[in-house]
Amino acid sequence: MDISKATTLIDVRLSALEWMCIHGNLCLALRHPNNVGNPREITVSVAQVLARVIVESGLLTQAEMDNAHHVELEAAGATGRVS
């Protein structure tokens, strides 16, 4: 890996639905007990940005996103690990 390229921005164009699927899978991955440290923190930040963009796109309302986050909290259950 060329570490000097690590902060290069990469533009990716996907539909709002595709971003919502990626967001959901990131949230699922964040529940895993071994998902820790700096990579987890970066993933949490990305998931939060995606949540905001999904709402701004109009695919979901803020209330719907808040409800999805509430469901995620409940699903995390015993681990308490969510985005």
PDB file of N, CA and C in Angstrom:
ATOM      1  N   MET A   1       0.839  -1.170   0.000  1.00  0.00           N
ATOM      2  CA  MET A   1       0.000   0.000   0.000  1.00  0.00           C
ATOM      3  C   MET A   1       0.887   1.236   0.000  1.00  0.00           C
ATOM      4  N   ASP A   2       0.505   2.200  -0.812  1.00  0.00           N
ATOM      5  CA  ASP A   2       1.212   3.477  -0.843  1.00  0.00           C
ATOM      6  C   ASP A   2       0.532   4.400   0.171  1.00  0.00           C
ATOM      7  N   ILE A   3       1.071   4.469   1.386  1.00  0.00           N
ATOM      8  CA  ILE A   3       0.445   5.224   2.476  1.00  0.00           C
ATOM      9  C   ILE A   3       0.280   6.701   2.139  1.00  0.00           C
ATOM     10  N   SER A   4       1.090   7.222   1.232  1.00  0.00           N
ATOM     11  CA  SER A   4       0.955   8.632   0.853  1.00  0.00           C
ATOM     12  C   SER A   4      -0.362   8.894   0.125  1.00  0.00           C
ATOM     13  N   LYS A   5      -1.002   7.855  -0.370  1.00  0.00           N
ATOM     14  CA  LYS A   5      -2.282   7.987  -1.083  1.00  0.00           C
ATOM     15  C   LYS A   5      -3.485   7.790  -0.155  1.00  0.00           C
ATOM     16  N   ALA A   6      -3.249   7.492   1.104  1.00  0.00           N
ATOM     17  CA  ALA A   6      -4.321   7.114   2.025  1.00  0.00           C
ATOM     18  C   ALA A   6      -5.366   8.205   2.243  1.00  0.00           C
ATOM     19  N   THR A   7      -5.005   9.451   2.095  1.00  0.00           N
ATOM     20  CA  THR A   7      -5.974  10.528   2.327  1.00  0.00           C
ATOM     21  C   THR A   7      -6.539  11.091   1.020  1.00  0.00           C
ATOM     22  N   THR A   8      -6.226  10.442  -0.098  1.00  0.00           N
ATOM     23  CA  THR A   8      -6.764  10.873  -1.386  1.00  0.00           C
ATOM     24  C   THR A   8      -8.280  10.677  -1.393  1.00  0.00           C
ATOM     25  N   LEU A   9      -9.018  11.694  -1.806  1.00  0.00           N
ATOM     26  CA  LEU A   9     -10.471  11.577  -1.914  1.00  0.00           C
ATOM     27  C   LEU A   9     -10.818  10.805  -3.181  1.00  0.00           C
ATOM     28  N   ILE A  10     -11.798   9.923  -3.062  1.00  0.00           N
ATOM     29  CA  ILE A  10     -12.256   9.120  -4.193  1.00  0.00           C
ATOM     30  C   ILE A  10     -13.748   9.393  -4.376  1.00  0.00           C
ATOM     31  N   ASP A  11     -14.116   9.912  -5.521  1.00  0.00           N
ATOM     32  CA  ASP A  11     -15.518  10.192  -5.807  1.00  0.00           C
ATOM     33  C   ASP A  11     -16.213   8.921  -6.285  1.00  0.00           C
ATOM     34  N   VAL A  12     -17.335   8.602  -5.659  1.00  0.00           N
ATOM     35  CA  VAL A  12     -18.126   7.436  -6.038  1.00  0.00           C
ATOM     36  C   VAL A  12     -19.569   7.889  -6.190  1.00  0.00           C
ATOM     37  N   ARG A  13     -20.140   7.588  -7.335  1.00  0.00           N
ATOM     38  CA  ARG A  13     -21.531   7.949  -7.585  1.00  0.00           C
ATOM     39  C   ARG A  13     -22.384   6.690  -7.554  1.00  0.00           C
ATOM     40  N   LEU A  14     -23.302   6.646  -6.607  1.00  0.00           N
ATOM     41  CA  LEU A  14     -24.250   5.546  -6.482  1.00  0.00           C
ATOM     42  C   LEU A  14     -25.628   6.133  -6.243  1.00  0.00           C
ATOM     43  N   SER A  15     -26.655   5.338  -6.486  1.00  0.00           N
ATOM     44  CA  SER A  15     -28.014   5.802  -6.211  1.00  0.00           C
ATOM     45  C   SER A  15     -28.230   5.908  -4.707  1.00  0.00           C
ATOM     46  N   ALA A  16     -29.237   6.656  -4.324  1.00  0.00           N
ATOM     47  CA  ALA A  16     -29.572   6.796  -2.902  1.00  0.00           C
ATOM     48  C   ALA A  16     -29.875   5.433  -2.289  1.00  0.00           C
ATOM     49  N   LEU A  17     -30.545   4.571  -3.047  1.00  0.00           N
ATOM     50  CA  LEU A  17     -30.857   3.238  -2.542  1.00  0.00           C
ATOM     51  C   LEU A  17     -29.583   2.425  -2.320  1.00  0.00           C
ATOM     52  N   GLU A  18     -28.628   2.527  -3.239  1.00  0.00           N
ATOM     53  CA  GLU A  18     -27.360   1.815  -3.060  1.00  0.00           C
ATOM     54  C   GLU A  18     -26.626   2.316  -1.817  1.00  0.00           C
ATOM     55  N   TRP A  19     -26.611   3.624  -1.600  1.00  0.00           N
ATOM     56  CA  TRP A  19     -25.968   4.172  -0.399  1.00  0.00           C
ATOM     57  C   TRP A  19     -26.696   3.705   0.860  1.00  0.00           C
ATOM     58  N   MET A  20     -28.029   3.598   0.789  1.00  0.00           N
ATOM     59  CA  MET A  20     -28.777   3.137   1.954  1.00  0.00           C
ATOM     60  C   MET A  20     -28.403   1.686   2.276  1.00  0.00           C
ATOM     61  N   CYS A  21     -28.220   0.862   1.247  1.00  0.00           N
ATOM     62  CA  CYS A  21     -27.803  -0.530   1.470  1.00  0.00           C
ATOM     63  C   CYS A  21     -26.419  -0.582   2.103  1.00  0.00           C
ATOM     64  N   ILE A  22     -25.510   0.242   1.620  1.00  0.00           N
ATOM     65  CA  ILE A  22     -24.161   0.284   2.195  1.00  0.00           C
ATOM     66  C   ILE A  22     -24.224   0.749   3.640  1.00  0.00           C
ATOM     67  N   HIS A  23     -25.031   1.771   3.909  1.00  0.00           N
ATOM     68  CA  HIS A  23     -25.188   2.274   5.280  1.00  0.00           C
ATOM     69  C   HIS A  23     -25.686   1.166   6.202  1.00  0.00           C
ATOM     70  N   GLY A  24     -26.700   0.430   5.755  1.00  0.00           N
ATOM     71  CA  GLY A  24     -27.243  -0.654   6.568  1.00  0.00           C
ATOM     72  C   GLY A  24     -26.214  -1.730   6.857  1.00  0.00           C
ATOM     73  N   ASN A  25     -25.400  -2.064   5.860  1.00  0.00           N
ATOM     74  CA  ASN A  25     -24.365  -3.075   6.059  1.00  0.00           C
ATOM     75  C   ASN A  25     -23.252  -2.575   6.967  1.00  0.00           C
ATOM     76  N   LEU A  26     -22.927  -1.286   6.884  1.00  0.00           N
ATOM     77  CA  LEU A  26     -21.944  -0.723   7.820  1.00  0.00           C
ATOM     78  C   LEU A  26     -22.461  -0.810   9.246  1.00  0.00           C
ATOM     79  N   CYS A  27     -23.737  -0.466   9.433  1.00  0.00           N
ATOM     80  CA  CYS A  27     -24.328  -0.530  10.783  1.00  0.00           C
ATOM     81  C   CYS A  27     -24.289  -1.960  11.311  1.00  0.00           C
ATOM     82  N   LEU A  28     -24.569  -2.923  10.438  1.00  0.00           N
ATOM     83  CA  LEU A  28     -24.506  -4.324  10.850  1.00  0.00           C
ATOM     84  C   LEU A  28     -23.076  -4.701  11.249  1.00  0.00           C
ATOM     85  N   ALA A  29     -22.104  -4.296  10.452  1.00  0.00           N
ATOM     86  CA  ALA A  29     -20.702  -4.604  10.754  1.00  0.00           C
ATOM     87  C   ALA A  29     -20.260  -3.976  12.071  1.00  0.00           C
ATOM     88  N   LEU A  30     -20.813  -2.809  12.393  1.00  0.00           N
ATOM     89  CA  LEU A  30     -20.420  -2.121  13.621  1.00  0.00           C
ATOM     90  C   LEU A  30     -20.894  -2.844  14.874  1.00  0.00           C
ATOM     91  N   ARG A  31     -21.839  -3.786  14.728  1.00  0.00           N
ATOM     92  CA  ARG A  31     -22.288  -4.566  15.879  1.00  0.00           C
ATOM     93  C   ARG A  31     -21.296  -5.644  16.282  1.00  0.00           C
ATOM     94  N   HIS A  32     -20.400  -6.003  15.376  1.00  0.00           N
ATOM     95  CA  HIS A  32     -19.493  -7.119  15.656  1.00  0.00           C
ATOM     96  C   HIS A  32     -18.545  -6.751  16.799  1.00  0.00           C
ATOM     97  N   PRO A  33     -18.405  -7.623  17.775  1.00  0.00           N
ATOM     98  CA  PRO A  33     -17.572  -7.302  18.948  1.00  0.00           C
ATOM     99  C   PRO A  33     -16.092  -7.097  18.633  1.00  0.00           C
ATOM    100  N   ASN A  34     -15.605  -7.636  17.530  1.00  0.00           N
ATOM    101  CA  ASN A  34     -14.198  -7.452  17.168  1.00  0.00           C
ATOM    102  C   ASN A  34     -13.962  -6.216  16.304  1.00  0.00           C
ATOM    103  N   ASN A  35     -15.017  -5.491  16.004  1.00  0.00           N
ATOM    104  CA  ASN A  35     -14.875  -4.268  15.209  1.00  0.00           C
ATOM    105  C   ASN A  35     -14.540  -3.145  16.190  1.00  0.00           C
ATOM    106  N   VAL A  36     -13.241  -2.917  16.391  1.00  0.00           N
ATOM    107  CA  VAL A  36     -12.766  -1.980  17.414  1.00  0.00           C
ATOM    108  C   VAL A  36     -11.676  -1.081  16.849  1.00  0.00           C
ATOM    109  N   GLY A  37     -11.321  -0.082  17.615  1.00  0.00           N
ATOM    110  CA  GLY A  37     -10.179   0.763  17.291  1.00  0.00           C
ATOM    111  C   GLY A  37     -10.459   1.815  16.235  1.00  0.00           C
ATOM    112  N   ASN A  38      -9.388   2.303  15.650  1.00  0.00           N
ATOM    113  CA  ASN A  38      -9.476   3.387  14.680  1.00  0.00           C
ATOM    114  C   ASN A  38     -10.330   3.042  13.462  1.00  0.00           C
ATOM    115  N   PRO A  39     -10.220   1.831  12.898  1.00  0.00           N
ATOM    116  CA  PRO A  39     -11.086   1.517  11.761  1.00  0.00           C
ATOM    117  C   PRO A  39     -12.568   1.619  12.113  1.00  0.00           C
ATOM    118  N   ARG A  40     -12.926   1.221  13.337  1.00  0.00           N
ATOM    119  CA  ARG A  40     -14.318   1.332  13.764  1.00  0.00           C
ATOM    120  C   ARG A  40     -14.738   2.795  13.825  1.00  0.00           C
ATOM    121  N   GLU A  41     -13.887   3.625  14.398  1.00  0.00           N
ATOM    122  CA  GLU A  41     -14.218   5.052  14.523  1.00  0.00           C
ATOM    123  C   GLU A  41     -14.400   5.693  13.144  1.00  0.00           C
ATOM    124  N   ILE A  42     -13.557   5.319  12.200  1.00  0.00           N
ATOM    125  CA  ILE A  42     -13.700   5.833  10.837  1.00  0.00           C
ATOM    126  C   ILE A  42     -15.020   5.357  10.241  1.00  0.00           C
ATOM    127  N   THR A  43     -15.363   4.086  10.453  1.00  0.00           N
ATOM    128  CA  THR A  43     -16.604   3.535   9.926  1.00  0.00           C
ATOM    129  C   THR A  43     -17.823   4.207  10.542  1.00  0.00           C
ATOM    130  N   VAL A  44     -17.780   4.491  11.833  1.00  0.00           N
ATOM    131  CA  VAL A  44     -18.871   5.213  12.484  1.00  0.00           C
ATOM    132  C   VAL A  44     -19.054   6.582  11.822  1.00  0.00           C
ATOM    133  N   SER A  45     -17.955   7.281  11.579  1.00  0.00           N
ATOM    134  CA  SER A  45     -18.030   8.598  10.931  1.00  0.00           C
ATOM    135  C   SER A  45     -18.632   8.495   9.534  1.00  0.00           C
ATOM    136  N   VAL A  46     -18.215   7.489   8.783  1.00  0.00           N
ATOM    137  CA  VAL A  46     -18.747   7.304   7.427  1.00  0.00           C
ATOM    138  C   VAL A  46     -20.241   6.989   7.493  1.00  0.00           C
ATOM    139  N   ALA A  47     -20.646   6.124   8.414  1.00  0.00           N
ATOM    140  CA  ALA A  47     -22.060   5.775   8.553  1.00  0.00           C
ATOM    141  C   ALA A  47     -22.885   7.010   8.907  1.00  0.00           C
ATOM    142  N   GLN A  48     -22.363   7.869   9.750  1.00  0.00           N
ATOM    143  CA  GLN A  48     -23.084   9.094  10.112  1.00  0.00           C
ATOM    144  C   GLN A  48     -23.225  10.026   8.916  1.00  0.00           C
ATOM    145  N   VAL A  49     -22.168  10.144   8.116  1.00  0.00           N
ATOM    146  CA  VAL A  49     -22.237  10.976   6.907  1.00  0.00           C
ATOM    147  C   VAL A  49     -23.268  10.395   5.941  1.00  0.00           C
ATOM    148  N   LEU A  50     -23.222   9.088   5.746  1.00  0.00           N
ATOM    149  CA  LEU A  50     -24.185   8.460   4.838  1.00  0.00           C
ATOM    150  C   LEU A  50     -25.613   8.653   5.320  1.00  0.00           C
ATOM    151  N   ALA A  51     -25.844   8.538   6.615  1.00  0.00           N
ATOM    152  CA  ALA A  51     -27.190   8.759   7.162  1.00  0.00           C
ATOM    153  C   ALA A  51     -27.672  10.170   6.828  1.00  0.00           C
ATOM    154  N   ARG A  52     -26.794  11.142   6.998  1.00  0.00           N
ATOM    155  CA  ARG A  52     -27.161  12.532   6.697  1.00  0.00           C
ATOM    156  C   ARG A  52     -27.459  12.707   5.203  1.00  0.00           C
ATOM    157  N   VAL A  53     -26.626  12.128   4.357  1.00  0.00           N
ATOM    158  CA  VAL A  53     -26.805  12.258   2.910  1.00  0.00           C
ATOM    159  C   VAL A  53     -28.091  11.561   2.461  1.00  0.00           C
ATOM    160  N   ILE A  54     -28.396  10.415   3.039  1.00  0.00           N
ATOM    161  CA  ILE A  54     -29.628   9.697   2.690  1.00  0.00           C
ATOM    162  C   ILE A  54     -30.840  10.551   3.033  1.00  0.00           C
ATOM    163  N   VAL A  55     -30.819  11.198   4.173  1.00  0.00           N
ATOM    164  CA  VAL A  55     -31.923  12.089   4.556  1.00  0.00           C
ATOM    165  C   VAL A  55     -31.974  13.297   3.619  1.00  0.00           C
ATOM    166  N   GLU A  56     -30.816  13.890   3.346  1.00  0.00           N
ATOM    167  CA  GLU A  56     -30.774  15.054   2.458  1.00  0.00           C
ATOM    168  C   GLU A  56     -31.243  14.712   1.043  1.00  0.00           C
ATOM    169  N   SER A  57     -31.047  13.447   0.624  1.00  0.00           N
ATOM    170  CA  SER A  57     -31.479  13.028  -0.714  1.00  0.00           C
ATOM    171  C   SER A  57     -32.990  12.906  -0.803  1.00  0.00           C
ATOM    172  N   GLY A  58     -33.643  12.778   0.357  1.00  0.00           N
ATOM    173  CA  GLY A  58     -35.090  12.623   0.387  1.00  0.00           C
ATOM    174  C   GLY A  58     -35.549  11.178   0.379  1.00  0.00           C
ATOM    175  N   LEU A  59     -34.613  10.225   0.305  1.00  0.00           N
ATOM    176  CA  LEU A  59     -35.013   8.815   0.312  1.00  0.00           C
ATOM    177  C   LEU A  59     -35.691   8.460   1.628  1.00  0.00           C
ATOM    178  N   LEU A  60     -35.146   8.948   2.723  1.00  0.00           N
ATOM    179  CA  LEU A  60     -35.755   8.779   4.044  1.00  0.00           C
ATOM    180  C   LEU A  60     -35.912  10.138   4.699  1.00  0.00           C
ATOM    181  N   THR A  61     -36.925  10.262   5.537  1.00  0.00           N
ATOM    182  CA  THR A  61     -37.063  11.480   6.338  1.00  0.00           C
ATOM    183  C   THR A  61     -36.163  11.345   7.560  1.00  0.00           C
ATOM    184  N   GLN A  62     -35.940  12.445   8.250  1.00  0.00           N
ATOM    185  CA  GLN A  62     -35.143  12.383   9.476  1.00  0.00           C
ATOM    186  C   GLN A  62     -35.814  11.474  10.490  1.00  0.00           C
ATOM    187  N   ALA A  63     -37.151  11.524  10.563  1.00  0.00           N
ATOM    188  CA  ALA A  63     -37.883  10.661  11.499  1.00  0.00           C
ATOM    189  C   ALA A  63     -37.665   9.187  11.155  1.00  0.00           C
ATOM    190  N   GLU A  64     -37.662   8.855   9.862  1.00  0.00           N
ATOM    191  CA  GLU A  64     -37.432   7.467   9.460  1.00  0.00           C
ATOM    192  C   GLU A  64     -36.005   7.035   9.800  1.00  0.00           C
ATOM    193  N   MET A  65     -35.040   7.912   9.581  1.00  0.00           N
ATOM    194  CA  MET A  65     -33.654   7.575   9.917  1.00  0.00           C
ATOM    195  C   MET A  65     -33.498   7.422  11.430  1.00  0.00           C
ATOM    196  N   ASP A  66     -34.144   8.305  12.195  1.00  0.00           N
ATOM    197  CA  ASP A  66     -34.095   8.196  13.657  1.00  0.00           C
ATOM    198  C   ASP A  66     -34.699   6.877  14.111  1.00  0.00           C
ATOM    199  N   ASN A  67     -35.808   6.469  13.474  1.00  0.00           N
ATOM    200  CA  ASN A  67     -36.443   5.199  13.817  1.00  0.00           C
ATOM    201  C   ASN A  67     -35.515   4.035  13.481  1.00  0.00           C
ATOM    202  N   ALA A  68     -34.847   4.099  12.331  1.00  0.00           N
ATOM    203  CA  ALA A  68     -33.909   3.043  11.948  1.00  0.00           C
ATOM    204  C   ALA A  68     -32.772   2.952  12.969  1.00  0.00           C
ATOM    205  N   HIS A  69     -32.308   4.096  13.433  1.00  0.00           N
ATOM    206  CA  HIS A  69     -31.244   4.100  14.445  1.00  0.00           C
ATOM    207  C   HIS A  69     -31.756   3.483  15.751  1.00  0.00           C
ATOM    208  N   HIS A  70     -33.000   3.781  16.105  1.00  0.00           N
ATOM    209  CA  HIS A  70     -33.592   3.198  17.314  1.00  0.00           C
ATOM    210  C   HIS A  70     -33.678   1.676  17.180  1.00  0.00           C
ATOM    211  N   VAL A  71     -34.095   1.200  16.012  1.00  0.00           N
ATOM    212  CA  VAL A  71     -34.163  -0.243  15.765  1.00  0.00           C
ATOM    213  C   VAL A  71     -32.769  -0.853  15.873  1.00  0.00           C
ATOM    214  N   GLU A  72     -31.771  -0.143  15.358  1.00  0.00           N
ATOM    215  CA  GLU A  72     -30.380  -0.614  15.438  1.00  0.00           C
ATOM    216  C   GLU A  72     -29.936  -0.728  16.900  1.00  0.00           C
ATOM    217  N   LEU A  73     -30.309   0.249  17.712  1.00  0.00           N
ATOM    218  CA  LEU A  73     -29.970   0.185  19.136  1.00  0.00           C
ATOM    219  C   LEU A  73     -30.601  -1.041  19.792  1.00  0.00           C
ATOM    220  N   GLU A  74     -31.855  -1.309  19.479  1.00  0.00           N
ATOM    221  CA  GLU A  74     -32.525  -2.472  20.041  1.00  0.00           C
ATOM    222  C   GLU A  74     -31.886  -3.769  19.560  1.00  0.00           C
ATOM    223  N   ALA A  75     -31.508  -3.816  18.277  1.00  0.00           N
ATOM    224  CA  ALA A  75     -30.926  -5.037  17.716  1.00  0.00           C
ATOM    225  C   ALA A  75     -29.540  -5.311  18.302  1.00  0.00           C
ATOM    226  N   ALA A  76     -28.837  -4.254  18.679  1.00  0.00           N
ATOM    227  CA  ALA A  76     -27.513  -4.445  19.265  1.00  0.00           C
ATOM    228  C   ALA A  76     -27.605  -5.187  20.588  1.00  0.00           C
ATOM    229  N   GLY A  77     -28.723  -4.980  21.258  1.00  0.00           N
ATOM    230  CA  GLY A  77     -29.028  -5.720  22.471  1.00  0.00           C
ATOM    231  C   GLY A  77     -27.898  -5.830  23.459  1.00  0.00           C
ATOM    232  N   ALA A  78     -27.457  -7.046  23.677  1.00  0.00           N
ATOM    233  CA  ALA A  78     -26.473  -7.351  24.719  1.00  0.00           C
ATOM    234  C   ALA A  78     -25.132  -6.674  24.486  1.00  0.00           C
ATOM    235  N   THR A  79     -24.734  -6.497  23.227  1.00  0.00           N
ATOM    236  CA  THR A  79     -23.422  -5.913  22.979  1.00  0.00           C
ATOM    237  C   THR A  79     -23.435  -4.416  23.166  1.00  0.00           C
ATOM    238  N   GLY A  80     -24.594  -3.793  22.895  1.00  0.00           N
ATOM    239  CA  GLY A  80     -24.674  -2.346  23.004  1.00  0.00           C
ATOM    240  C   GLY A  80     -23.850  -1.615  21.973  1.00  0.00           C
ATOM    241  N   ARG A  81     -23.355  -2.333  20.974  1.00  0.00           N
ATOM    242  CA  ARG A  81     -22.464  -1.739  19.960  1.00  0.00           C
ATOM    243  C   ARG A  81     -23.271  -1.340  18.749  1.00  0.00           C
ATOM    244  N   VAL A  82     -23.306  -0.061  18.501  1.00  0.00           N
ATOM    245  CA  VAL A  82     -23.965   0.458  17.310  1.00  0.00           C
ATOM    246  C   VAL A  82     -23.150   1.622  16.782  1.00  0.00           C
ATOM    247  N   SER A  83     -23.602   2.148  15.672  1.00  0.00           N
ATOM    248  CA  SER A  83     -22.895   3.296  15.079  1.00  0.00           C
ATOM    249  C   SER A  83     -23.233   4.556  15.812  1.00  0.00           C
TER     250      SER A  83
END
